[in-house]
Amino acid sequence: MPHISAIFWDVGGVLLNNAWDREERERAFRQFNLDEKEFADRHEMVVSSFERGKISLDEYLDRTIFYRPRPFAREVFKEYMFSLSQPYPDTLALARELAKSGKYLMATINNESKELNHYRIQTFGLREVFTLFVSSCFVGLRKPEQEIYLLALEVTQKPAEECCFIDDRALNLECARKLGMHTIEMKNAKQLREDLSKLGVGGA
């Protein structure tokens, strides 16, 4: 059985719902009566810069929403964006249990824009669980690029074979696996706990 000393977690889709993915954007389109195709073309042009921390939330909104007059205020739209974030209580409880055990370095590897990332870290108490956030907006790299996984290993000085990476998307697990990390594709909290147990990971 491998000795796991570090667990890296995706955030959106594992610990919380996604911050600003397709489902969340579609909800905003309905809420504010936006043209999805018009938005999508603009979003695709700037999303990489947005998630790499190269442009701010306000700059992103300037280019995707407020490039023309709207019948709603910018702050109203931003508040709605933040309100879309919701926790997955069972998975968060598992992460807290593992963090409390003190047996594992707990960190994230996630793609997220800076303002939403800060909001979610603060709102859902993620600083109490994780000692390191390898977030795309902080490091200028995004999953599934190999460099973000290499950076996580270099910064933590953990050998890949002692690391487990959890994500809800198979594509994001491929590079981590090729580097020698153990990987788990998250389906639900029960399955995640069982798969971690198979690696000898537990809070007791």
Protein backbone atom coordinates (compact mmCIF):
# COMPACT_ATOMS: atom_id res chain seq x y z
CA MET A 1 0.00 0.00 0.00
CA PRO A 2 1.41 3.46 -0.90
CA HIS A 3 2.32 5.95 1.79
CA ILE A 4 0.34 9.10 1.08
CA SER A 5 1.68 12.24 2.76
CA ALA A 6 -0.01 14.94 0.66
CA ILE A 7 -3.52 15.31 -0.74
CA PHE A 8 -4.25 17.85 -3.45
CA TRP A 9 -7.88 18.79 -4.05
CA ASP A 10 -9.79 20.44 -6.84
CA VAL A 11 -12.27 22.95 -5.43
CA GLY A 12 -15.13 23.44 -7.90
CA GLY A 13 -16.94 20.14 -8.41
CA VAL A 14 -15.28 18.49 -5.39
CA LEU A 15 -15.50 20.69 -2.28
CA LEU A 16 -17.91 23.30 -3.64
CA ASN A 17 -19.96 23.63 -6.77
CA ASN A 18 -18.24 25.39 -9.65
CA ALA A 19 -17.76 29.12 -9.33
CA TRP A 20 -18.41 30.27 -12.89
CA ASP A 21 -18.71 27.24 -15.13
CA ARG A 22 -21.31 26.47 -17.79
CA GLU A 23 -24.17 25.74 -15.37
CA GLU A 24 -23.54 28.91 -13.34
CA ARG A 25 -23.26 31.04 -16.46
CA GLU A 26 -26.51 29.64 -17.83
CA ARG A 27 -28.27 30.56 -14.60
CA ALA A 28 -26.95 34.11 -14.97
CA PHE A 29 -28.18 34.28 -18.57
CA ARG A 30 -31.69 33.43 -17.42
CA GLN A 31 -31.56 35.74 -14.40
CA PHE A 32 -30.41 38.76 -16.40
CA ASN A 33 -31.93 37.90 -19.79
CA LEU A 34 -28.57 37.77 -21.57
CA ASP A 35 -27.80 36.49 -25.06
CA GLU A 36 -25.84 33.28 -24.50
CA LYS A 37 -24.12 33.17 -27.90
CA GLU A 38 -23.09 36.81 -27.74
CA PHE A 39 -21.62 36.24 -24.29
CA ALA A 40 -19.94 32.91 -25.19
CA ASP A 41 -17.86 34.41 -28.00
CA ARG A 42 -16.51 37.11 -25.70
CA HIS A 43 -16.04 34.75 -22.73
CA GLU A 44 -13.90 32.33 -24.74
CA MET A 45 -11.60 35.17 -25.75
CA VAL A 46 -10.80 36.22 -22.18
CA VAL A 47 -11.46 33.25 -19.86
CA SER A 48 -7.84 32.07 -19.93
CA SER A 49 -6.58 35.51 -18.87
CA PHE A 50 -9.35 35.72 -16.27
CA GLU A 51 -8.49 32.40 -14.62
CA ARG A 52 -4.74 33.05 -14.81
CA GLY A 53 -5.14 36.28 -12.87
CA LYS A 54 -4.11 38.43 -15.83
CA ILE A 55 -7.31 40.46 -15.77
CA SER A 56 -9.56 41.40 -12.86
CA LEU A 57 -13.23 40.53 -12.42
CA ASP A 58 -14.17 44.07 -13.42
CA GLU A 59 -12.07 43.84 -16.58
CA TYR A 60 -13.66 40.49 -17.41
CA LEU A 61 -17.13 41.97 -16.95
CA ASP A 62 -16.19 45.00 -19.06
CA ARG A 63 -15.39 42.68 -21.94
CA THR A 64 -18.20 40.14 -21.57
CA ILE A 65 -21.20 41.97 -20.07
CA PHE A 66 -20.77 45.72 -19.69
CA TYR A 67 -19.34 46.54 -23.10
CA ARG A 68 -22.76 48.14 -23.70
CA PRO A 69 -25.44 49.59 -21.40
CA ARG A 70 -27.39 47.11 -19.28
CA PRO A 71 -30.65 47.51 -17.32
CA PHE A 72 -28.89 46.22 -14.19
CA ALA A 73 -25.96 47.48 -12.15
CA ARG A 74 -22.50 45.92 -12.18
CA GLU A 75 -22.59 45.33 -8.40
CA VAL A 76 -25.91 43.49 -8.68
CA PHE A 77 -24.42 41.16 -11.28
CA LYS A 78 -21.27 40.58 -9.23
CA GLU A 79 -23.29 39.80 -6.10
CA TYR A 80 -25.27 37.26 -8.10
CA MET A 81 -22.06 35.65 -9.36
CA PHE A 82 -20.78 35.25 -5.80
CA SER A 83 -24.16 33.94 -4.58
CA LEU A 84 -23.95 30.99 -6.98
CA SER A 85 -21.19 29.36 -4.92
CA GLN A 86 -22.47 26.61 -2.63
CA PRO A 87 -20.64 24.01 -0.50
CA TYR A 88 -20.68 20.23 -0.77
CA PRO A 89 -21.01 19.57 3.00
CA ASP A 90 -20.10 15.86 2.98
CA THR A 91 -16.89 16.36 1.00
CA LEU A 92 -15.91 19.42 3.04
CA ALA A 93 -16.45 17.41 6.22
CA LEU A 94 -14.15 14.68 4.89
CA ALA A 95 -11.46 17.23 4.00
CA ARG A 96 -11.72 18.79 7.46
CA GLU A 97 -11.43 15.37 9.06
CA LEU A 98 -8.24 14.61 7.13
CA ALA A 99 -6.79 18.04 7.87
CA LYS A 100 -7.54 17.66 11.58
CA SER A 101 -5.70 14.33 11.67
CA GLY A 102 -2.45 16.19 10.96
CA LYS A 103 -1.18 13.28 8.87
CA TYR A 104 -1.33 14.95 5.47
CA LEU A 105 -0.24 18.11 3.73
CA MET A 106 -3.53 19.49 2.44
CA ALA A 107 -3.49 21.72 -0.65
CA THR A 108 -5.59 22.64 -3.66
CA ILE A 109 -4.88 22.59 -7.37
CA ASN A 110 -7.73 24.53 -8.94
CA ASN A 111 -8.68 26.76 -11.84
CA GLU A 112 -10.42 29.89 -10.60
CA SER A 113 -10.42 33.64 -11.05
CA LYS A 114 -8.87 35.69 -8.27
CA GLU A 115 -11.91 37.46 -6.83
CA LEU A 116 -14.09 34.35 -6.84
CA ASN A 117 -11.26 32.27 -5.40
CA HIS A 118 -10.70 34.69 -2.51
CA TYR A 119 -14.45 34.83 -1.85
CA ARG A 120 -14.79 31.06 -1.74
CA ILE A 121 -11.70 30.55 0.44
CA GLN A 122 -13.04 33.10 2.94
CA THR A 123 -16.75 32.19 2.84
CA PHE A 124 -16.33 28.43 3.20
CA GLY A 125 -13.43 28.44 5.67
CA LEU A 126 -10.94 26.78 3.34
CA ARG A 127 -7.94 28.33 5.12
CA GLU A 128 -8.84 26.13 8.08
CA VAL A 129 -8.41 23.05 5.87
CA PHE A 130 -5.60 23.85 3.43
CA THR A 131 -2.10 25.19 3.95
CA LEU A 132 -1.47 25.90 0.27
CA PHE A 133 -3.63 27.06 -2.66
CA VAL A 134 -2.11 26.28 -6.04
CA SER A 135 -4.82 28.28 -7.80
CA SER A 136 -4.55 29.24 -11.45
CA CYS A 137 -5.13 32.90 -10.60
CA PHE A 138 -2.12 32.91 -8.25
CA VAL A 139 0.36 30.91 -10.34
CA GLY A 140 -0.60 31.86 -13.91
CA LEU A 141 -1.07 28.20 -14.93
CA ARG A 142 -4.24 26.17 -15.50
CA LYS A 143 -5.19 22.54 -15.37
CA PRO A 144 -4.75 20.32 -17.33
CA GLU A 145 -1.33 21.88 -18.13
CA GLN A 146 1.45 19.70 -16.76
CA GLU A 147 3.27 22.72 -15.34
CA ILE A 148 0.70 23.39 -12.62
CA TYR A 149 1.11 19.85 -11.21
CA LEU A 150 4.90 20.11 -11.41
CA LEU A 151 4.73 23.41 -9.54
CA ALA A 152 2.60 21.86 -6.79
CA LEU A 153 5.17 19.08 -6.35
CA GLU A 154 8.12 21.49 -6.41
CA VAL A 155 6.60 23.95 -3.94
CA THR A 156 5.63 21.23 -1.46
CA GLN A 157 8.79 19.17 -2.07
CA LYS A 158 6.68 16.02 -2.05
CA PRO A 159 7.54 13.02 -4.22
CA ALA A 160 4.73 12.29 -6.67
CA GLU A 161 4.26 8.75 -5.37
CA GLU A 162 3.35 10.15 -1.94
CA CYS A 163 0.68 12.46 -3.39
CA CYS A 164 -2.98 11.96 -4.19
CA PHE A 165 -4.87 14.37 -6.46
CA ILE A 166 -8.68 14.52 -6.42
CA ASP A 167 -10.68 16.06 -9.27
CA ASP A 168 -14.13 15.56 -10.77
CA ARG A 169 -12.87 15.68 -14.38
CA ALA A 170 -10.87 12.84 -15.89
CA LEU A 171 -8.89 15.16 -18.17
CA ASN A 172 -7.50 17.03 -15.17
CA LEU A 173 -6.21 13.78 -13.68
CA GLU A 174 -4.19 12.61 -16.67
CA CYS A 175 -1.07 14.75 -16.24
CA ALA A 176 -1.02 14.17 -12.49
CA ARG A 177 -1.13 10.42 -13.08
CA LYS A 178 1.64 10.56 -15.69
CA LEU A 179 3.83 12.38 -13.17
CA GLY A 180 3.35 9.49 -10.74
CA MET A 181 0.66 10.94 -8.46
CA HIS A 182 -2.20 8.77 -7.29
CA THR A 183 -5.48 10.10 -8.64
CA ILE A 184 -9.15 9.82 -7.74
CA GLU A 185 -12.01 10.92 -9.98
CA MET A 186 -14.59 12.30 -7.57
CA LYS A 187 -18.19 11.17 -8.02
CA ASN A 188 -19.56 11.67 -4.52
CA ALA A 189 -18.32 11.85 -0.94
CA LYS A 190 -18.99 8.16 -0.18
CA GLN A 191 -17.04 6.97 -3.21
CA LEU A 192 -14.24 9.43 -2.44
CA ARG A 193 -13.91 8.17 1.13
CA GLU A 194 -13.80 4.58 -0.12
CA ASP A 195 -11.16 5.33 -2.77
CA LEU A 196 -9.02 7.22 -0.26
CA SER A 197 -9.30 4.29 2.13
CA LYS A 198 -7.91 2.01 -0.58
CA LEU A 199 -4.81 4.23 -0.56
CA GLY A 200 -4.56 3.95 3.21
CA VAL A 201 -5.84 7.49 3.72
CA GLY A 202 -8.08 8.17 6.70
CA GLY A 203 -8.57 10.65 9.49
CA ALA A 204 -8.28 8.27 12.43
